Amino acid sequence: ARTIAGGFLFSEDEIFKSIDDLSGGEKSRIALMKLILNKPNFLIMDEPTNHLDIYAREVLEESLEEYDGTLIVVSHDRHFLESVVNKIYEITPTGINVFDGNYEEYMKKSFEPKKGKEVNYDYENQKRRKNRVSNLEKKLLLLEEKIDKSEEKKGNVEQLHSEAGIKNDIDQLMDLQVELDDIDKKIMIKMDEWEAINEELEELK
């Protein structure tokens, strides 16, 4: 039991703590440990990294990388997706596209020119189309930079949240949780915008 607890970053002293004395991140690690110990052959996770501290997120990723069962996960955490998934289901207005590979490979494939797609454009339409594609690609890059900065900010706040949990500073924990919720909301909005732009690019290419 101590070996398993150590794998979830609990020291010898911490394993004797009462659950009530644990921080939010530590309680999340306990929940993950119980989940993994149950050895389910099928997991469904919805935004599993939300509100996890850095340590809990690392433990979750490592555990799922070694998980032998089937995992269905919905997440806006690109680093998490890159670590654990090997098949992606893209839901579009016209149906579901299935891609075998990790998130980075999926992103590269998404922006490859479509082969065998014959569309006749006159010169003016083609020019407008190229300009639109160029503008959307620039907008997409800027949006990705904003998302990366938001993810970085989220990581910093999660670190402060974890430290506040260790100190059992309830007021700071509540303030930081509000800030985390606000960051998550902004990331979701940016990701929705990213998906809309990406869909339009798919149609234009």
N, C-alpha and C. Protein backbone atom coordinates (compact mmCIF):
# COMPACT_ATOMS: atom_id res chain seq x y z
N ALA A 1 0.83 -1.20 0.00
CA ALA A 1 0.00 0.00 0.00
C ALA A 1 0.87 1.26 0.00
N ARG A 2 1.98 1.21 0.78
CA ARG A 2 2.86 2.38 0.84
C ARG A 2 3.54 2.62 -0.51
N THR A 3 3.86 1.53 -1.20
CA THR A 3 4.49 1.67 -2.52
C THR A 3 3.55 2.36 -3.50
N ILE A 4 2.29 1.95 -3.47
CA ILE A 4 1.29 2.55 -4.35
C ILE A 4 1.09 4.02 -3.99
N ALA A 5 1.00 4.30 -2.68
CA ALA A 5 0.82 5.69 -2.24
C ALA A 5 2.02 6.54 -2.66
N GLY A 6 3.22 5.95 -2.58
CA GLY A 6 4.41 6.68 -3.01
C GLY A 6 4.36 7.03 -4.47
N GLY A 7 3.79 6.13 -5.28
CA GLY A 7 3.64 6.40 -6.70
C GLY A 7 2.72 7.57 -6.98
N PHE A 8 1.85 7.87 -6.02
CA PHE A 8 0.95 9.01 -6.14
C PHE A 8 1.45 10.20 -5.32
N LEU A 9 2.76 10.20 -5.05
CA LEU A 9 3.48 11.32 -4.44
C LEU A 9 3.09 11.57 -2.98
N PHE A 10 2.72 10.50 -2.26
CA PHE A 10 2.47 10.63 -0.83
C PHE A 10 3.68 10.10 -0.07
N SER A 11 4.23 10.93 0.82
CA SER A 11 5.39 10.51 1.62
C SER A 11 4.92 9.61 2.77
N GLU A 12 5.88 9.05 3.50
CA GLU A 12 5.52 8.15 4.60
C GLU A 12 4.70 8.86 5.67
N ASP A 13 5.02 10.12 5.93
CA ASP A 13 4.27 10.87 6.94
C ASP A 13 2.85 11.17 6.47
N GLU A 14 2.71 11.44 5.17
CA GLU A 14 1.41 11.87 4.65
C GLU A 14 0.39 10.74 4.60
N ILE A 15 0.85 9.49 4.52
CA ILE A 15 -0.11 8.39 4.39
C ILE A 15 -0.92 8.18 5.68
N PHE A 16 -0.47 8.79 6.77
CA PHE A 16 -1.20 8.66 8.03
C PHE A 16 -2.13 9.85 8.29
N LYS A 17 -2.17 10.79 7.35
CA LYS A 17 -3.04 11.95 7.51
C LYS A 17 -4.51 11.56 7.39
N SER A 18 -5.36 12.30 8.07
CA SER A 18 -6.80 12.15 7.88
C SER A 18 -7.18 12.78 6.55
N ILE A 19 -8.20 12.24 5.89
CA ILE A 19 -8.67 12.79 4.62
C ILE A 19 -9.04 14.26 4.78
N ASP A 20 -9.62 14.61 5.93
CA ASP A 20 -10.04 16.00 6.17
C ASP A 20 -8.86 16.97 6.19
N ASP A 21 -7.66 16.44 6.48
CA ASP A 21 -6.48 17.31 6.58
C ASP A 21 -5.75 17.46 5.25
N LEU A 22 -6.21 16.76 4.21
CA LEU A 22 -5.53 16.82 2.91
C LEU A 22 -5.98 18.04 2.12
N SER A 23 -5.09 18.51 1.25
CA SER A 23 -5.43 19.62 0.36
C SER A 23 -6.33 19.12 -0.77
N GLY A 24 -6.87 20.06 -1.54
CA GLY A 24 -7.73 19.67 -2.66
C GLY A 24 -6.99 18.80 -3.66
N GLY A 25 -5.74 19.16 -3.96
CA GLY A 25 -4.95 18.37 -4.90
C GLY A 25 -4.66 16.98 -4.38
N GLU A 26 -4.38 16.88 -3.06
CA GLU A 26 -4.10 15.57 -2.46
C GLU A 26 -5.35 14.68 -2.47
N LYS A 27 -6.50 15.29 -2.21
CA LYS A 27 -7.75 14.52 -2.27
C LYS A 27 -8.01 14.01 -3.68
N SER A 28 -7.65 14.83 -4.67
CA SER A 28 -7.81 14.40 -6.07
C SER A 28 -6.92 13.20 -6.36
N ARG A 29 -5.70 13.23 -5.80
CA ARG A 29 -4.78 12.10 -6.00
C ARG A 29 -5.31 10.84 -5.33
N ILE A 30 -5.94 11.00 -4.16
CA ILE A 30 -6.55 9.85 -3.48
C ILE A 30 -7.64 9.24 -4.35
N ALA A 31 -8.48 10.11 -4.93
CA ALA A 31 -9.57 9.63 -5.79
C ALA A 31 -9.01 8.89 -7.00
N LEU A 32 -7.92 9.42 -7.58
CA LEU A 32 -7.30 8.77 -8.74
C LEU A 32 -6.70 7.42 -8.34
N MET A 33 -6.08 7.38 -7.17
CA MET A 33 -5.47 6.14 -6.70
C MET A 33 -6.54 5.06 -6.52
N LYS A 34 -7.67 5.43 -5.93
CA LYS A 34 -8.77 4.48 -5.75
C LYS A 34 -9.28 3.98 -7.10
N LEU A 35 -9.36 4.92 -8.05
CA LEU A 35 -9.85 4.56 -9.38
C LEU A 35 -8.93 3.55 -10.06
N ILE A 36 -7.63 3.82 -10.00
CA ILE A 36 -6.66 2.93 -10.64
C ILE A 36 -6.61 1.57 -9.95
N LEU A 37 -6.70 1.56 -8.61
CA LEU A 37 -6.64 0.31 -7.86
C LEU A 37 -7.84 -0.60 -8.15
N ASN A 38 -8.96 0.00 -8.53
CA ASN A 38 -10.14 -0.79 -8.87
C ASN A 38 -9.96 -1.55 -10.19
N LYS A 39 -8.96 -1.14 -10.98
CA LYS A 39 -8.61 -1.78 -12.25
C LYS A 39 -9.80 -1.95 -13.19
N PRO A 40 -10.50 -0.86 -13.49
CA PRO A 40 -11.62 -0.97 -14.45
C PRO A 40 -11.06 -1.20 -15.86
N ASN A 41 -11.83 -1.86 -16.71
CA ASN A 41 -11.35 -2.07 -18.09
C ASN A 41 -11.88 -1.02 -19.05
N PHE A 42 -12.68 -0.08 -18.51
CA PHE A 42 -13.25 0.97 -19.36
C PHE A 42 -13.44 2.23 -18.52
N LEU A 43 -12.90 3.35 -19.00
CA LEU A 43 -13.00 4.63 -18.28
C LEU A 43 -13.58 5.70 -19.20
N ILE A 44 -14.47 6.53 -18.66
CA ILE A 44 -14.96 7.72 -19.37
C ILE A 44 -14.62 8.92 -18.50
N MET A 45 -13.88 9.88 -19.07
CA MET A 45 -13.45 11.05 -18.30
C MET A 45 -13.83 12.33 -19.03
N ASP A 46 -14.41 13.26 -18.29
CA ASP A 46 -14.82 14.56 -18.84
C ASP A 46 -13.97 15.64 -18.18
N GLU A 47 -13.07 16.25 -18.96
CA GLU A 47 -12.15 17.28 -18.46
C GLU A 47 -11.47 16.83 -17.16
N PRO A 48 -10.76 15.70 -17.18
CA PRO A 48 -10.20 15.15 -15.93
C PRO A 48 -9.12 16.00 -15.28
N THR A 49 -8.46 16.89 -16.05
CA THR A 49 -7.38 17.68 -15.45
C THR A 49 -7.87 18.99 -14.84
N ASN A 50 -9.15 19.30 -15.02
CA ASN A 50 -9.68 20.53 -14.42
C ASN A 50 -9.54 20.49 -12.90
N HIS A 51 -9.00 21.55 -12.34
CA HIS A 51 -8.88 21.73 -10.88
C HIS A 51 -7.87 20.79 -10.23
N LEU A 52 -7.10 20.04 -11.03
CA LEU A 52 -6.03 19.23 -10.45
C LEU A 52 -4.79 20.09 -10.30
N ASP A 53 -4.04 19.88 -9.21
CA ASP A 53 -2.77 20.58 -9.10
C ASP A 53 -1.76 19.90 -10.03
N ILE A 54 -0.57 20.49 -10.15
CA ILE A 54 0.43 19.99 -11.09
C ILE A 54 0.80 18.54 -10.79
N TYR A 55 0.96 18.22 -9.50
CA TYR A 55 1.39 16.88 -9.13
C TYR A 55 0.31 15.85 -9.47
N ALA A 56 -0.94 16.19 -9.17
CA ALA A 56 -2.04 15.27 -9.46
C ALA A 56 -2.17 15.05 -10.97
N ARG A 57 -1.94 16.10 -11.74
CA ARG A 57 -2.03 15.97 -13.20
C ARG A 57 -0.94 15.03 -13.73
N GLU A 58 0.27 15.19 -13.19
CA GLU A 58 1.37 14.32 -13.63
C GLU A 58 1.09 12.86 -13.27
N VAL A 59 0.56 12.65 -12.07
CA VAL A 59 0.23 11.29 -11.64
C VAL A 59 -0.85 10.69 -12.53
N LEU A 60 -1.86 11.49 -12.85
CA LEU A 60 -2.95 11.02 -13.72
C LEU A 60 -2.40 10.63 -15.09
N GLU A 61 -1.56 11.47 -15.66
CA GLU A 61 -1.00 11.18 -16.98
C GLU A 61 -0.18 9.89 -16.95
N GLU A 62 0.68 9.76 -15.94
CA GLU A 62 1.52 8.56 -15.85
C GLU A 62 0.68 7.30 -15.66
N SER A 63 -0.38 7.41 -14.86
CA SER A 63 -1.24 6.25 -14.61
C SER A 63 -1.98 5.83 -15.88
N LEU A 64 -2.47 6.82 -16.62
CA LEU A 64 -3.23 6.51 -17.84
C LEU A 64 -2.32 6.02 -18.96
N GLU A 65 -1.06 6.46 -18.96
CA GLU A 65 -0.11 5.97 -19.97
C GLU A 65 0.13 4.46 -19.79
N GLU A 66 0.03 3.99 -18.54
CA GLU A 66 0.23 2.57 -18.24
C GLU A 66 -1.08 1.78 -18.22
N TYR A 67 -2.20 2.48 -18.39
CA TYR A 67 -3.52 1.84 -18.31
C TYR A 67 -3.75 0.97 -19.54
N ASP A 68 -4.18 -0.28 -19.33
CA ASP A 68 -4.35 -1.23 -20.43
C ASP A 68 -5.77 -1.26 -20.99
N GLY A 69 -6.72 -0.63 -20.29
CA GLY A 69 -8.11 -0.68 -20.73
C GLY A 69 -8.43 0.38 -21.78
N THR A 70 -9.72 0.54 -22.02
CA THR A 70 -10.20 1.53 -23.00
C THR A 70 -10.54 2.83 -22.28
N LEU A 71 -10.08 3.93 -22.83
CA LEU A 71 -10.33 5.25 -22.23
C LEU A 71 -10.99 6.16 -23.25
N ILE A 72 -12.13 6.74 -22.87
CA ILE A 72 -12.77 7.79 -23.66
C ILE A 72 -12.66 9.07 -22.85
N VAL A 73 -12.04 10.09 -23.42
CA VAL A 73 -11.80 11.32 -22.67
C VAL A 73 -12.18 12.54 -23.51
N VAL A 74 -12.83 13.50 -22.86
CA VAL A 74 -13.11 14.80 -23.45
C VAL A 74 -12.26 15.81 -22.70
N SER A 75 -11.42 16.56 -23.42
CA SER A 75 -10.53 17.49 -22.73
C SER A 75 -10.09 18.61 -23.66
N HIS A 76 -9.89 19.80 -23.08
CA HIS A 76 -9.29 20.92 -23.80
C HIS A 76 -7.81 21.06 -23.44
N ASP A 77 -7.31 20.16 -22.62
CA ASP A 77 -5.91 20.20 -22.19
C ASP A 77 -5.07 19.50 -23.25
N ARG A 78 -4.42 20.28 -24.11
CA ARG A 78 -3.69 19.71 -25.24
C ARG A 78 -2.50 18.86 -24.80
N HIS A 79 -1.81 19.30 -23.75
CA HIS A 79 -0.67 18.52 -23.25
C HIS A 79 -1.13 17.16 -22.74
N PHE A 80 -2.25 17.15 -22.03
CA PHE A 80 -2.81 15.90 -21.52
C PHE A 80 -3.19 14.97 -22.66
N LEU A 81 -3.86 15.51 -23.68
CA LEU A 81 -4.27 14.70 -24.83
C LEU A 81 -3.06 14.12 -25.55
N GLU A 82 -2.03 14.94 -25.69
CA GLU A 82 -0.81 14.48 -26.37
C GLU A 82 -0.19 13.31 -25.62
N SER A 83 -0.34 13.30 -24.29
CA SER A 83 0.30 12.27 -23.46
C SER A 83 -0.45 10.94 -23.48
N VAL A 84 -1.79 10.99 -23.56
CA VAL A 84 -2.54 9.75 -23.26
C VAL A 84 -3.36 9.18 -24.42
N VAL A 85 -3.68 9.96 -25.45
CA VAL A 85 -4.59 9.41 -26.46
C VAL A 85 -3.84 8.88 -27.68
N ASN A 86 -4.42 7.88 -28.34
CA ASN A 86 -3.86 7.36 -29.59
C ASN A 86 -4.92 7.25 -30.69
N LYS A 87 -6.10 7.77 -30.41
CA LYS A 87 -7.15 7.85 -31.43
C LYS A 87 -8.04 9.04 -31.10
N ILE A 88 -8.39 9.81 -32.12
CA ILE A 88 -9.17 11.03 -31.91
C ILE A 88 -10.45 10.98 -32.74
N TYR A 89 -11.57 11.32 -32.09
CA TYR A 89 -12.86 11.43 -32.76
C TYR A 89 -13.21 12.91 -32.87
N GLU A 90 -13.24 13.41 -34.08
CA GLU A 90 -13.55 14.82 -34.31
C GLU A 90 -15.03 14.93 -34.70
N ILE A 91 -15.78 15.64 -33.87
CA ILE A 91 -17.21 15.81 -34.12
C ILE A 91 -17.42 17.10 -34.91
N THR A 92 -18.01 16.98 -36.09
CA THR A 92 -18.24 18.12 -36.97
C THR A 92 -19.73 18.22 -37.30
N PRO A 93 -20.16 19.33 -37.89
CA PRO A 93 -21.58 19.46 -38.26
C PRO A 93 -22.05 18.39 -39.24
N THR A 94 -21.10 17.79 -39.98
CA THR A 94 -21.49 16.79 -40.98
C THR A 94 -21.29 15.35 -40.51
N GLY A 95 -20.76 15.17 -39.30
CA GLY A 95 -20.56 13.81 -38.80
C GLY A 95 -19.32 13.70 -37.94
N ILE A 96 -18.82 12.48 -37.79
CA ILE A 96 -17.66 12.20 -36.94
C ILE A 96 -16.51 11.70 -37.80
N ASN A 97 -15.35 12.34 -37.63
CA ASN A 97 -14.13 11.90 -38.31
C ASN A 97 -13.24 11.18 -37.30
N VAL A 98 -12.72 10.03 -37.69
CA VAL A 98 -11.87 9.24 -36.80
C VAL A 98 -10.43 9.34 -37.29
N PHE A 99 -9.52 9.67 -36.37
CA PHE A 99 -8.10 9.79 -36.72
C PHE A 99 -7.28 8.90 -35.80
N ASP A 100 -6.50 8.00 -36.38
CA ASP A 100 -5.60 7.15 -35.60
C ASP A 100 -4.27 7.86 -35.41
N GLY A 101 -3.94 8.16 -34.17
CA GLY A 101 -2.70 8.86 -33.87
C GLY A 101 -2.88 9.77 -32.68
N ASN A 102 -1.78 10.43 -32.27
CA ASN A 102 -1.87 11.32 -31.12
C ASN A 102 -2.32 12.72 -31.54
N TYR A 103 -2.39 13.62 -30.57
CA TYR A 103 -2.96 14.94 -30.84
C TYR A 103 -2.09 15.76 -31.79
N GLU A 104 -0.77 15.68 -31.62
CA GLU A 104 0.13 16.44 -32.48
C GLU A 104 -0.01 15.99 -33.94
N GLU A 105 -0.08 14.67 -34.15
CA GLU A 105 -0.24 14.14 -35.50
C GLU A 105 -1.58 14.56 -36.10
N TYR A 106 -2.60 14.58 -35.24
CA TYR A 106 -3.93 15.01 -35.69
C TYR A 106 -3.91 16.46 -36.15
N MET A 107 -3.22 17.33 -35.39
CA MET A 107 -3.16 18.74 -35.75
C MET A 107 -2.43 18.94 -37.08
N LYS A 108 -1.33 18.20 -37.27
CA LYS A 108 -0.59 18.32 -38.52
C LYS A 108 -1.44 17.85 -39.70
N LYS A 109 -2.15 16.75 -39.50
CA LYS A 109 -2.99 16.19 -40.56
C LYS A 109 -4.13 17.13 -40.90
N SER A 110 -4.65 17.82 -39.89
CA SER A 110 -5.80 18.70 -40.09
C SER A 110 -5.49 19.84 -41.05
N PHE A 111 -4.21 20.25 -41.10
CA PHE A 111 -3.85 21.39 -41.93
C PHE A 111 -3.17 20.99 -43.24
N GLU A 112 -3.14 19.69 -43.53
CA GLU A 112 -2.62 19.26 -44.82
C GLU A 112 -3.64 19.55 -45.91
N PRO A 113 -3.19 19.97 -47.08
CA PRO A 113 -4.13 20.21 -48.19
C PRO A 113 -4.87 18.92 -48.54
N LYS A 114 -6.13 19.02 -48.80
CA LYS A 114 -6.94 17.87 -49.18
C LYS A 114 -6.60 17.42 -50.60
N LYS A 115 -6.37 16.11 -50.77
CA LYS A 115 -6.05 15.57 -52.08
C LYS A 115 -7.33 15.14 -52.80
N GLY A 116 -7.32 15.33 -54.10
CA GLY A 116 -8.45 14.88 -54.90
C GLY A 116 -9.68 15.74 -54.78
N LYS A 117 -9.56 16.91 -54.17
CA LYS A 117 -10.71 17.79 -54.01
C LYS A 117 -10.67 18.83 -55.12
N GLU A 118 -11.49 18.65 -56.12
CA GLU A 118 -11.46 19.51 -57.28
C GLU A 118 -12.57 20.55 -57.19
N VAL A 119 -12.15 21.79 -57.11
CA VAL A 119 -13.11 22.89 -57.05
C VAL A 119 -12.68 23.94 -58.06
N ASN A 120 -13.59 24.39 -58.86
CA ASN A 120 -13.27 25.40 -59.86
C ASN A 120 -13.60 26.79 -59.32
N TYR A 121 -12.59 27.61 -59.24
CA TYR A 121 -12.78 28.98 -58.80
C TYR A 121 -12.33 29.91 -59.92
N ASP A 122 -13.04 31.01 -60.10
CA ASP A 122 -12.50 32.01 -61.01
C ASP A 122 -11.43 32.78 -60.26
N TYR A 123 -10.72 33.63 -60.95
CA TYR A 123 -9.55 34.29 -60.36
C TYR A 123 -9.89 35.08 -59.11
N GLU A 124 -10.97 35.88 -59.15
CA GLU A 124 -11.32 36.73 -58.02
C GLU A 124 -11.72 35.90 -56.80
N ASN A 125 -12.51 34.86 -57.04
CA ASN A 125 -12.92 34.00 -55.93
C ASN A 125 -11.72 33.30 -55.30
N GLN A 126 -10.81 32.86 -56.17
CA GLN A 126 -9.61 32.18 -55.67
C GLN A 126 -8.75 33.13 -54.85
N LYS A 127 -8.65 34.37 -55.29
CA LYS A 127 -7.87 35.37 -54.57
C LYS A 127 -8.49 35.65 -53.20
N ARG A 128 -9.82 35.83 -53.18
CA ARG A 128 -10.50 36.08 -51.91
C ARG A 128 -10.35 34.89 -50.97
N ARG A 129 -10.41 33.70 -51.55
CA ARG A 129 -10.27 32.48 -50.74
C ARG A 129 -8.90 32.41 -50.10
N LYS A 130 -7.84 32.70 -50.88
CA LYS A 130 -6.48 32.66 -50.34
C LYS A 130 -6.29 33.70 -49.23
N ASN A 131 -6.85 34.88 -49.45
CA ASN A 131 -6.75 35.92 -48.42
C ASN A 131 -7.47 35.50 -47.13
N ARG A 132 -8.63 34.90 -47.32
CA ARG A 132 -9.40 34.45 -46.16
C ARG A 132 -8.64 33.36 -45.39
N VAL A 133 -8.06 32.41 -46.13
CA VAL A 133 -7.28 31.34 -45.50
C VAL A 133 -6.10 31.92 -44.74
N SER A 134 -5.41 32.87 -45.36
CA SER A 134 -4.25 33.49 -44.72
C SER A 134 -4.65 34.21 -43.42
N ASN A 135 -5.75 34.95 -43.48
CA ASN A 135 -6.22 35.67 -42.29
C ASN A 135 -6.64 34.71 -41.18
N LEU A 136 -7.31 33.64 -41.57
CA LEU A 136 -7.75 32.67 -40.57
C LEU A 136 -6.57 31.95 -39.93
N GLU A 137 -5.56 31.63 -40.73
CA GLU A 137 -4.38 30.95 -40.19
C GLU A 137 -3.63 31.84 -39.20
N LYS A 138 -3.55 33.15 -39.53
CA LYS A 138 -2.91 34.09 -38.60
C LYS A 138 -3.72 34.19 -37.30
N LYS A 139 -5.03 34.26 -37.47
CA LYS A 139 -5.90 34.35 -36.30
C LYS A 139 -5.78 33.10 -35.43
N LEU A 140 -5.65 31.95 -36.10
CA LEU A 140 -5.52 30.69 -35.39
C LEU A 140 -4.23 30.64 -34.58
N LEU A 141 -3.13 31.12 -35.17
CA LEU A 141 -1.85 31.14 -34.47
C LEU A 141 -1.90 32.05 -33.24
N LEU A 142 -2.51 33.23 -33.41
CA LEU A 142 -2.64 34.15 -32.28
C LEU A 142 -3.49 33.54 -31.17
N LEU A 143 -4.53 32.84 -31.58
CA LEU A 143 -5.42 32.21 -30.61
C LEU A 143 -4.69 31.11 -29.86
N GLU A 144 -3.88 30.34 -30.57
CA GLU A 144 -3.11 29.27 -29.93
C GLU A 144 -2.11 29.84 -28.92
N GLU A 145 -1.52 30.99 -29.26
CA GLU A 145 -0.59 31.64 -28.33
C GLU A 145 -1.33 32.08 -27.06
N LYS A 146 -2.55 32.61 -27.24
CA LYS A 146 -3.34 33.04 -26.08
C LYS A 146 -3.72 31.83 -25.22
N ILE A 147 -4.07 30.73 -25.88
CA ILE A 147 -4.44 29.52 -25.13
C ILE A 147 -3.24 29.00 -24.35
N ASP A 148 -2.06 29.00 -24.99
CA ASP A 148 -0.84 28.55 -24.31
C ASP A 148 -0.55 29.41 -23.08
N LYS A 149 -0.72 30.74 -23.23
CA LYS A 149 -0.47 31.64 -22.10
C LYS A 149 -1.48 31.40 -20.98
N SER A 150 -2.73 31.14 -21.37
CA SER A 150 -3.76 30.86 -20.36
C SER A 150 -3.46 29.55 -19.63
N GLU A 151 -3.00 28.54 -20.39
CA GLU A 151 -2.64 27.26 -19.78
C GLU A 151 -1.46 27.44 -18.81
N GLU A 152 -0.50 28.28 -19.22
CA GLU A 152 0.65 28.54 -18.36
C GLU A 152 0.21 29.25 -17.07
N LYS A 153 -0.68 30.24 -17.24
CA LYS A 153 -1.20 30.96 -16.08
C LYS A 153 -1.97 30.01 -15.16
N LYS A 154 -2.74 29.11 -15.78
CA LYS A 154 -3.50 28.14 -15.00
C LYS A 154 -2.56 27.26 -14.17
N GLY A 155 -1.46 26.84 -14.78
CA GLY A 155 -0.49 26.02 -14.06
C GLY A 155 0.10 26.75 -12.86
N ASN A 156 0.39 28.05 -13.04
CA ASN A 156 0.94 28.84 -11.94
C ASN A 156 -0.07 28.99 -10.80
N VAL A 157 -1.33 29.23 -11.17
CA VAL A 157 -2.37 29.38 -10.15
C VAL A 157 -2.61 28.06 -9.44
N GLU A 158 -2.55 26.95 -10.19
CA GLU A 158 -2.72 25.63 -9.58
C GLU A 158 -1.61 25.36 -8.57
N GLN A 159 -0.41 25.83 -8.87
CA GLN A 159 0.70 25.66 -7.93
C GLN A 159 0.43 26.42 -6.64
N LEU A 160 -0.06 27.67 -6.79
CA LEU A 160 -0.42 28.46 -5.61
C LEU A 160 -1.56 27.81 -4.83
N HIS A 161 -2.50 27.24 -5.58
CA HIS A 161 -3.64 26.55 -4.97
C HIS A 161 -3.16 25.36 -4.14
N SER A 162 -2.20 24.62 -4.69
CA SER A 162 -1.65 23.47 -3.98
C SER A 162 -0.93 23.91 -2.71
N GLU A 163 -0.16 24.99 -2.81
CA GLU A 163 0.57 25.49 -1.64
C GLU A 163 -0.39 26.00 -0.57
N ALA A 164 -1.48 26.64 -1.01
CA ALA A 164 -2.48 27.13 -0.06
C ALA A 164 -3.16 25.95 0.64
N GLY A 165 -3.34 24.85 -0.11
CA GLY A 165 -3.94 23.66 0.48
C GLY A 165 -3.05 23.06 1.56
N ILE A 166 -1.74 23.06 1.29
CA ILE A 166 -0.79 22.53 2.27
C ILE A 166 -0.82 23.37 3.55
N LYS A 167 -0.97 24.69 3.37
CA LYS A 167 -1.02 25.60 4.53
C LYS A 167 -2.42 25.66 5.15
N ASN A 168 -3.38 25.00 4.46
CA ASN A 168 -4.77 25.00 4.91
C ASN A 168 -5.32 26.43 5.03
N ASP A 169 -4.93 27.27 4.06
CA ASP A 169 -5.40 28.66 4.01
C ASP A 169 -6.71 28.69 3.23
N ILE A 170 -7.82 28.59 3.94
CA ILE A 170 -9.14 28.45 3.31
C ILE A 170 -9.49 29.66 2.45
N ASP A 171 -9.22 30.87 2.96
CA ASP A 171 -9.56 32.08 2.21
C ASP A 171 -8.81 32.14 0.89
N GLN A 172 -7.51 31.84 0.93
CA GLN A 172 -6.73 31.86 -0.30
C GLN A 172 -7.17 30.75 -1.25
N LEU A 173 -7.51 29.59 -0.69
CA LEU A 173 -7.99 28.49 -1.53
C LEU A 173 -9.25 28.89 -2.29
N MET A 174 -10.16 29.56 -1.60
CA MET A 174 -11.41 29.98 -2.24
C MET A 174 -11.15 31.01 -3.33
N ASP A 175 -10.27 31.98 -3.04
CA ASP A 175 -9.95 33.01 -4.03
C ASP A 175 -9.28 32.40 -5.26
N LEU A 176 -8.36 31.48 -5.03
CA LEU A 176 -7.64 30.85 -6.14
C LEU A 176 -8.57 29.94 -6.95
N GLN A 177 -9.53 29.31 -6.27
CA GLN A 177 -10.47 28.46 -6.99
C GLN A 177 -11.35 29.29 -7.92
N VAL A 178 -11.75 30.47 -7.45
CA VAL A 178 -12.53 31.38 -8.30
C VAL A 178 -11.70 31.78 -9.52
N GLU A 179 -10.42 32.07 -9.29
CA GLU A 179 -9.53 32.45 -10.39
C GLU A 179 -9.35 31.30 -11.37
N LEU A 180 -9.21 30.07 -10.84
CA LEU A 180 -9.08 28.90 -11.71
C LEU A 180 -10.32 28.69 -12.56
N ASP A 181 -11.49 28.85 -11.94
CA ASP A 181 -12.74 28.69 -12.69
C ASP A 181 -12.84 29.72 -13.81
N ASP A 182 -12.39 30.95 -13.52
CA ASP A 182 -12.43 32.01 -14.53
C ASP A 182 -11.47 31.70 -15.68
N ILE A 183 -10.27 31.19 -15.35
CA ILE A 183 -9.30 30.84 -16.40
C ILE A 183 -9.85 29.70 -17.26
N ASP A 184 -10.44 28.69 -16.61
CA ASP A 184 -11.01 27.56 -17.36
C ASP A 184 -12.10 28.03 -18.31
N LYS A 185 -12.93 28.96 -17.84
CA LYS A 185 -14.01 29.49 -18.68
C LYS A 185 -13.45 30.20 -19.90
N LYS A 186 -12.40 31.00 -19.69
CA LYS A 186 -11.78 31.73 -20.80
C LYS A 186 -11.11 30.76 -21.79
N ILE A 187 -10.49 29.71 -21.26
CA ILE A 187 -9.86 28.72 -22.14
C ILE A 187 -10.92 28.03 -22.99
N MET A 188 -12.06 27.70 -22.38
CA MET A 188 -13.14 27.05 -23.11
C MET A 188 -13.64 27.93 -24.25
N ILE A 189 -13.79 29.23 -23.96
CA ILE A 189 -14.26 30.17 -24.99
C ILE A 189 -13.26 30.24 -26.14
N LYS A 190 -11.97 30.32 -25.80
CA LYS A 190 -10.93 30.37 -26.83
C LYS A 190 -10.90 29.08 -27.64
N MET A 191 -11.08 27.94 -26.98
CA MET A 191 -11.07 26.67 -27.69
C MET A 191 -12.27 26.55 -28.63
N ASP A 192 -13.43 27.04 -28.20
CA ASP A 192 -14.60 27.04 -29.08
C ASP A 192 -14.34 27.89 -30.32
N GLU A 193 -13.70 29.04 -30.11
CA GLU A 193 -13.36 29.91 -31.24
C GLU A 193 -12.35 29.23 -32.15
N TRP A 194 -11.37 28.55 -31.54
CA TRP A 194 -10.36 27.82 -32.31
C TRP A 194 -11.01 26.75 -33.19
N GLU A 195 -11.96 26.02 -32.63
CA GLU A 195 -12.63 24.96 -33.37
C GLU A 195 -13.44 25.53 -34.53
N ALA A 196 -14.10 26.68 -34.30
CA ALA A 196 -14.89 27.30 -35.37
C ALA A 196 -14.00 27.74 -36.52
N ILE A 197 -12.84 28.34 -36.19
CA ILE A 197 -11.91 28.78 -37.24
C ILE A 197 -11.35 27.57 -37.98
N ASN A 198 -11.01 26.53 -37.24
CA ASN A 198 -10.46 25.33 -37.86
C ASN A 198 -11.46 24.69 -38.82
N GLU A 199 -12.72 24.67 -38.43
CA GLU A 199 -13.76 24.11 -39.30
C GLU A 199 -13.88 24.91 -40.60
N GLU A 200 -13.81 26.24 -40.48
CA GLU A 200 -13.90 27.07 -41.68
C GLU A 200 -12.70 26.83 -42.59
N LEU A 201 -11.52 26.68 -41.99
CA LEU A 201 -10.32 26.38 -42.79
C LEU A 201 -10.46 25.05 -43.50
N GLU A 202 -11.05 24.07 -42.82
CA GLU A 202 -11.27 22.76 -43.43
C GLU A 202 -12.13 22.90 -44.69
N GLU A 203 -13.13 23.75 -44.62
CA GLU A 203 -14.02 23.94 -45.77
C GLU A 203 -13.32 24.66 -46.92
N LEU A 204 -12.41 25.56 -46.58
CA LEU A 204 -11.74 26.37 -47.61
C LEU A 204 -10.60 25.63 -48.28
N LYS A 205 -10.01 24.66 -47.58
CA LYS A 205 -8.83 23.97 -48.14
C LYS A 205 -9.24 22.78 -49.00
